[in-house]
N, C-alpha and C. Protein backbone atom coordinates (compact mmCIF):
# COMPACT_ATOMS: atom_id res chain seq x y z
N UNK A 1 0.83 -1.18 0.01
CA UNK A 1 0.00 0.01 -0.01
C UNK A 1 0.88 1.26 0.01
N UNK A 2 0.53 2.21 -0.80
CA UNK A 2 1.31 3.43 -0.90
C UNK A 2 1.23 4.25 0.35
N UNK A 3 2.37 4.79 0.73
CA UNK A 3 2.40 5.64 1.94
C UNK A 3 1.89 7.03 1.59
N UNK A 4 1.12 7.63 2.46
CA UNK A 4 0.59 8.97 2.25
C UNK A 4 1.36 9.98 3.08
N UNK A 5 1.68 11.10 2.52
CA UNK A 5 2.41 12.16 3.22
C UNK A 5 1.51 13.41 3.25
N UNK A 6 1.62 14.17 4.32
CA UNK A 6 0.83 15.39 4.42
C UNK A 6 1.41 16.45 3.49
N UNK A 7 0.57 17.40 3.15
CA UNK A 7 1.04 18.49 2.27
C UNK A 7 2.15 19.29 2.94
N UNK A 8 2.05 19.50 4.25
CA UNK A 8 3.11 20.22 4.96
C UNK A 8 4.45 19.51 4.90
N UNK A 9 4.42 18.19 5.02
CA UNK A 9 5.64 17.41 4.95
C UNK A 9 6.24 17.52 3.55
N UNK A 10 5.40 17.41 2.52
CA UNK A 10 5.89 17.54 1.15
C UNK A 10 6.53 18.92 0.90
N UNK A 11 5.87 19.95 1.45
CA UNK A 11 6.40 21.30 1.30
C UNK A 11 7.77 21.43 1.98
N UNK A 12 7.94 20.78 3.14
CA UNK A 12 9.25 20.80 3.82
C UNK A 12 10.30 20.11 2.97
N UNK A 13 9.98 19.00 2.35
CA UNK A 13 10.95 18.26 1.52
C UNK A 13 11.33 19.12 0.32
N UNK A 14 10.32 19.72 -0.34
CA UNK A 14 10.60 20.58 -1.50
C UNK A 14 11.44 21.78 -1.08
N UNK A 15 11.14 22.36 0.06
CA UNK A 15 11.92 23.50 0.55
C UNK A 15 13.37 23.09 0.81
N UNK A 16 13.57 21.95 1.42
CA UNK A 16 14.94 21.48 1.67
C UNK A 16 15.67 21.32 0.36
N UNK A 17 15.03 20.74 -0.66
CA UNK A 17 15.65 20.58 -1.95
C UNK A 17 15.96 21.94 -2.60
N UNK A 18 14.97 22.83 -2.54
CA UNK A 18 15.16 24.17 -3.13
C UNK A 18 16.28 24.94 -2.46
N UNK A 19 16.55 24.60 -1.20
CA UNK A 19 17.61 25.28 -0.48
C UNK A 19 18.96 24.54 -0.52
N UNK A 20 19.08 23.58 -1.44
CA UNK A 20 20.39 22.98 -1.72
C UNK A 20 20.58 21.53 -1.28
N UNK A 21 19.63 20.95 -0.61
CA UNK A 21 19.77 19.55 -0.19
C UNK A 21 19.61 18.65 -1.42
N UNK A 22 20.44 17.66 -1.58
CA UNK A 22 20.39 16.82 -2.78
C UNK A 22 19.27 15.75 -2.64
N UNK A 23 18.89 15.22 -3.80
CA UNK A 23 17.89 14.15 -3.82
C UNK A 23 18.42 12.95 -3.05
N UNK A 24 19.69 12.62 -3.23
CA UNK A 24 20.25 11.50 -2.53
C UNK A 24 20.21 11.67 -1.04
N UNK A 25 20.51 12.88 -0.54
CA UNK A 25 20.46 13.15 0.91
C UNK A 25 19.04 13.00 1.43
N UNK A 26 18.07 13.56 0.70
CA UNK A 26 16.68 13.49 1.12
C UNK A 26 16.17 12.02 1.12
N UNK A 27 16.59 11.28 0.12
CA UNK A 27 16.26 9.88 0.02
C UNK A 27 16.81 9.09 1.22
N UNK A 28 18.05 9.36 1.54
CA UNK A 28 18.72 8.66 2.63
C UNK A 28 18.12 9.02 3.98
N UNK A 29 17.88 10.31 4.19
CA UNK A 29 17.39 10.77 5.50
C UNK A 29 15.93 10.40 5.78
N UNK A 30 15.09 10.47 4.74
CA UNK A 30 13.68 10.30 4.93
C UNK A 30 13.09 8.99 4.36
N UNK A 31 13.92 8.27 3.59
CA UNK A 31 13.49 7.02 3.03
C UNK A 31 12.42 7.16 1.96
N UNK A 32 12.42 8.30 1.25
CA UNK A 32 11.46 8.58 0.19
C UNK A 32 12.19 8.38 -1.14
N UNK A 33 11.51 7.69 -2.07
CA UNK A 33 12.11 7.45 -3.38
C UNK A 33 12.45 8.77 -4.08
N UNK A 34 13.58 8.79 -4.79
CA UNK A 34 13.99 9.97 -5.51
C UNK A 34 12.94 10.40 -6.51
N UNK A 35 12.29 9.41 -7.16
CA UNK A 35 11.25 9.73 -8.15
C UNK A 35 10.07 10.42 -7.52
N UNK A 36 9.72 10.02 -6.31
CA UNK A 36 8.60 10.66 -5.58
C UNK A 36 8.98 12.11 -5.25
N UNK A 37 10.18 12.30 -4.76
CA UNK A 37 10.62 13.65 -4.41
C UNK A 37 10.65 14.53 -5.66
N UNK A 38 11.16 13.96 -6.76
CA UNK A 38 11.22 14.73 -8.02
C UNK A 38 9.82 15.16 -8.49
N UNK A 39 8.82 14.27 -8.34
CA UNK A 39 7.46 14.59 -8.70
C UNK A 39 6.93 15.72 -7.86
N UNK A 40 7.19 15.65 -6.54
CA UNK A 40 6.74 16.71 -5.66
C UNK A 40 7.37 18.03 -6.07
N UNK A 41 8.65 18.04 -6.35
CA UNK A 41 9.36 19.26 -6.71
C UNK A 41 8.80 19.86 -7.97
N UNK A 42 8.63 19.01 -8.99
CA UNK A 42 8.12 19.52 -10.29
C UNK A 42 6.69 20.09 -10.14
N UNK A 43 5.86 19.38 -9.42
CA UNK A 43 4.47 19.84 -9.24
C UNK A 43 4.41 21.11 -8.42
N UNK A 44 5.10 21.12 -7.28
CA UNK A 44 4.98 22.27 -6.40
C UNK A 44 5.66 23.50 -6.98
N UNK A 45 6.86 23.33 -7.57
CA UNK A 45 7.54 24.47 -8.13
C UNK A 45 6.85 24.98 -9.40
N UNK A 46 6.10 24.10 -10.07
CA UNK A 46 5.39 24.49 -11.29
C UNK A 46 4.11 25.25 -11.04
N UNK A 47 3.37 24.82 -10.02
CA UNK A 47 2.03 25.46 -9.81
C UNK A 47 1.73 25.84 -8.37
N UNK A 48 2.60 25.48 -7.47
CA UNK A 48 2.33 25.76 -6.05
C UNK A 48 1.38 24.77 -5.43
N UNK A 49 1.14 23.64 -6.14
CA UNK A 49 0.21 22.64 -5.65
C UNK A 49 0.76 21.25 -5.95
N UNK A 50 0.41 20.29 -5.10
CA UNK A 50 0.78 18.90 -5.32
C UNK A 50 -0.32 18.16 -6.05
N UNK A 51 -1.48 18.73 -6.19
CA UNK A 51 -2.60 18.09 -6.85
C UNK A 51 -2.37 17.97 -8.33
N UNK A 52 -2.50 16.77 -8.86
CA UNK A 52 -2.25 16.54 -10.28
C UNK A 52 -3.17 17.38 -11.18
N UNK A 53 -4.41 17.59 -10.74
CA UNK A 53 -5.34 18.38 -11.55
C UNK A 53 -4.88 19.83 -11.71
N UNK A 54 -4.17 20.34 -10.73
CA UNK A 54 -3.64 21.68 -10.82
C UNK A 54 -2.41 21.78 -11.69
N UNK A 55 -1.85 20.64 -12.05
CA UNK A 55 -0.62 20.63 -12.81
C UNK A 55 -0.76 20.15 -14.24
N UNK A 56 -1.99 19.98 -14.68
CA UNK A 56 -2.24 19.57 -16.06
C UNK A 56 -2.24 20.77 -16.98
N UNK A 57 -1.79 20.54 -18.24
CA UNK A 57 -1.86 21.62 -19.22
C UNK A 57 -3.31 21.76 -19.70
N UNK A 58 -3.58 22.85 -20.36
CA UNK A 58 -4.93 23.06 -20.90
C UNK A 58 -5.28 21.96 -21.89
N UNK A 59 -4.28 21.52 -22.69
CA UNK A 59 -4.53 20.46 -23.66
C UNK A 59 -4.89 19.15 -22.97
N UNK A 60 -4.22 18.83 -21.88
CA UNK A 60 -4.51 17.59 -21.13
C UNK A 60 -5.92 17.66 -20.54
N UNK A 61 -6.27 18.82 -19.99
CA UNK A 61 -7.63 19.00 -19.44
C UNK A 61 -8.68 18.83 -20.54
N UNK A 62 -8.42 19.44 -21.69
CA UNK A 62 -9.37 19.33 -22.80
C UNK A 62 -9.50 17.89 -23.27
N UNK A 63 -8.39 17.18 -23.37
CA UNK A 63 -8.40 15.76 -23.80
C UNK A 63 -9.24 14.93 -22.85
N UNK A 64 -9.10 15.13 -21.57
CA UNK A 64 -9.86 14.38 -20.57
C UNK A 64 -11.37 14.66 -20.74
N UNK A 65 -11.71 15.94 -20.91
CA UNK A 65 -13.13 16.30 -21.12
C UNK A 65 -13.67 15.70 -22.41
N UNK A 66 -12.88 15.72 -23.49
CA UNK A 66 -13.34 15.14 -24.75
C UNK A 66 -13.54 13.64 -24.65
N UNK A 67 -12.66 12.96 -23.95
CA UNK A 67 -12.81 11.50 -23.74
C UNK A 67 -14.08 11.21 -22.98
N UNK A 68 -14.39 12.01 -21.96
CA UNK A 68 -15.60 11.82 -21.19
C UNK A 68 -16.84 11.99 -22.10
N UNK A 69 -16.77 13.03 -22.95
CA UNK A 69 -17.88 13.33 -23.85
C UNK A 69 -18.08 12.19 -24.85
N UNK A 70 -16.98 11.64 -25.36
CA UNK A 70 -17.08 10.53 -26.33
C UNK A 70 -17.71 9.32 -25.67
N UNK A 71 -17.31 9.00 -24.46
CA UNK A 71 -17.91 7.88 -23.71
C UNK A 71 -19.42 8.11 -23.52
N UNK A 72 -19.80 9.33 -23.17
CA UNK A 72 -21.20 9.63 -22.93
C UNK A 72 -22.00 9.46 -24.23
N UNK A 73 -21.45 9.98 -25.32
CA UNK A 73 -22.13 9.87 -26.62
C UNK A 73 -22.22 8.44 -27.08
N UNK A 74 -21.19 7.61 -26.83
CA UNK A 74 -21.23 6.22 -27.18
C UNK A 74 -22.35 5.49 -26.44
N UNK A 75 -22.46 5.82 -25.14
CA UNK A 75 -23.47 5.19 -24.33
C UNK A 75 -24.86 5.59 -24.80
N UNK A 76 -25.06 6.85 -25.12
CA UNK A 76 -26.34 7.32 -25.62
C UNK A 76 -26.66 6.64 -26.98
N UNK A 77 -25.67 6.49 -27.80
CA UNK A 77 -25.86 5.84 -29.11
C UNK A 77 -26.29 4.38 -28.91
N UNK A 78 -25.66 3.68 -27.99
CA UNK A 78 -26.04 2.29 -27.73
C UNK A 78 -27.46 2.20 -27.24
N UNK A 79 -27.89 3.12 -26.38
CA UNK A 79 -29.25 3.13 -25.86
C UNK A 79 -30.25 3.36 -27.01
N UNK A 80 -29.92 4.30 -27.89
CA UNK A 80 -30.83 4.57 -29.03
C UNK A 80 -30.90 3.38 -29.99
N UNK A 81 -29.80 2.67 -30.21
CA UNK A 81 -29.81 1.50 -31.04
C UNK A 81 -30.74 0.43 -30.45
N UNK A 82 -30.64 0.21 -29.12
CA UNK A 82 -31.49 -0.77 -28.45
C UNK A 82 -32.95 -0.36 -28.56
N UNK A 83 -33.24 0.90 -28.39
CA UNK A 83 -34.61 1.39 -28.49
C UNK A 83 -35.15 1.20 -29.89
N UNK A 84 -34.32 1.44 -30.91
CA UNK A 84 -34.76 1.25 -32.28
C UNK A 84 -35.06 -0.20 -32.58
N UNK A 85 -34.28 -1.10 -32.02
CA UNK A 85 -34.53 -2.56 -32.21
C UNK A 85 -35.85 -2.94 -31.57
N UNK A 86 -36.10 -2.45 -30.37
CA UNK A 86 -37.32 -2.78 -29.63
C UNK A 86 -38.51 -2.21 -30.38
N UNK A 87 -38.45 -0.98 -30.81
CA UNK A 87 -39.59 -0.36 -31.53
C UNK A 87 -39.80 -0.99 -32.89
N UNK A 88 -38.72 -1.43 -33.52
CA UNK A 88 -38.81 -2.04 -34.85
C UNK A 88 -39.52 -3.39 -34.82
N UNK A 89 -39.47 -4.07 -33.70
CA UNK A 89 -40.10 -5.37 -33.52
C UNK A 89 -41.62 -5.26 -33.32
N UNK A 90 -42.10 -4.13 -32.89
CA UNK A 90 -43.54 -3.97 -32.58
C UNK A 90 -44.36 -3.63 -33.79
């Protein structure tokens, strides 16, 4: 199971890195994977937030919305096809 860290803790780790502490030192001292620390640094320094939704580009957000819309339309289309079959039999 993935370990959860508080936002304050993540901010402290990012602050330590931004003030010159190396990834290797942070990994050794706190037992956090370098890749996890790097993700925190990129997200927080990029947008001031650790939330992935706050760190998506406009294109990524649009793509997610379009995929949702396509799924909705496919579902509606399937329902209409079933209704047409039922009505066609009567």
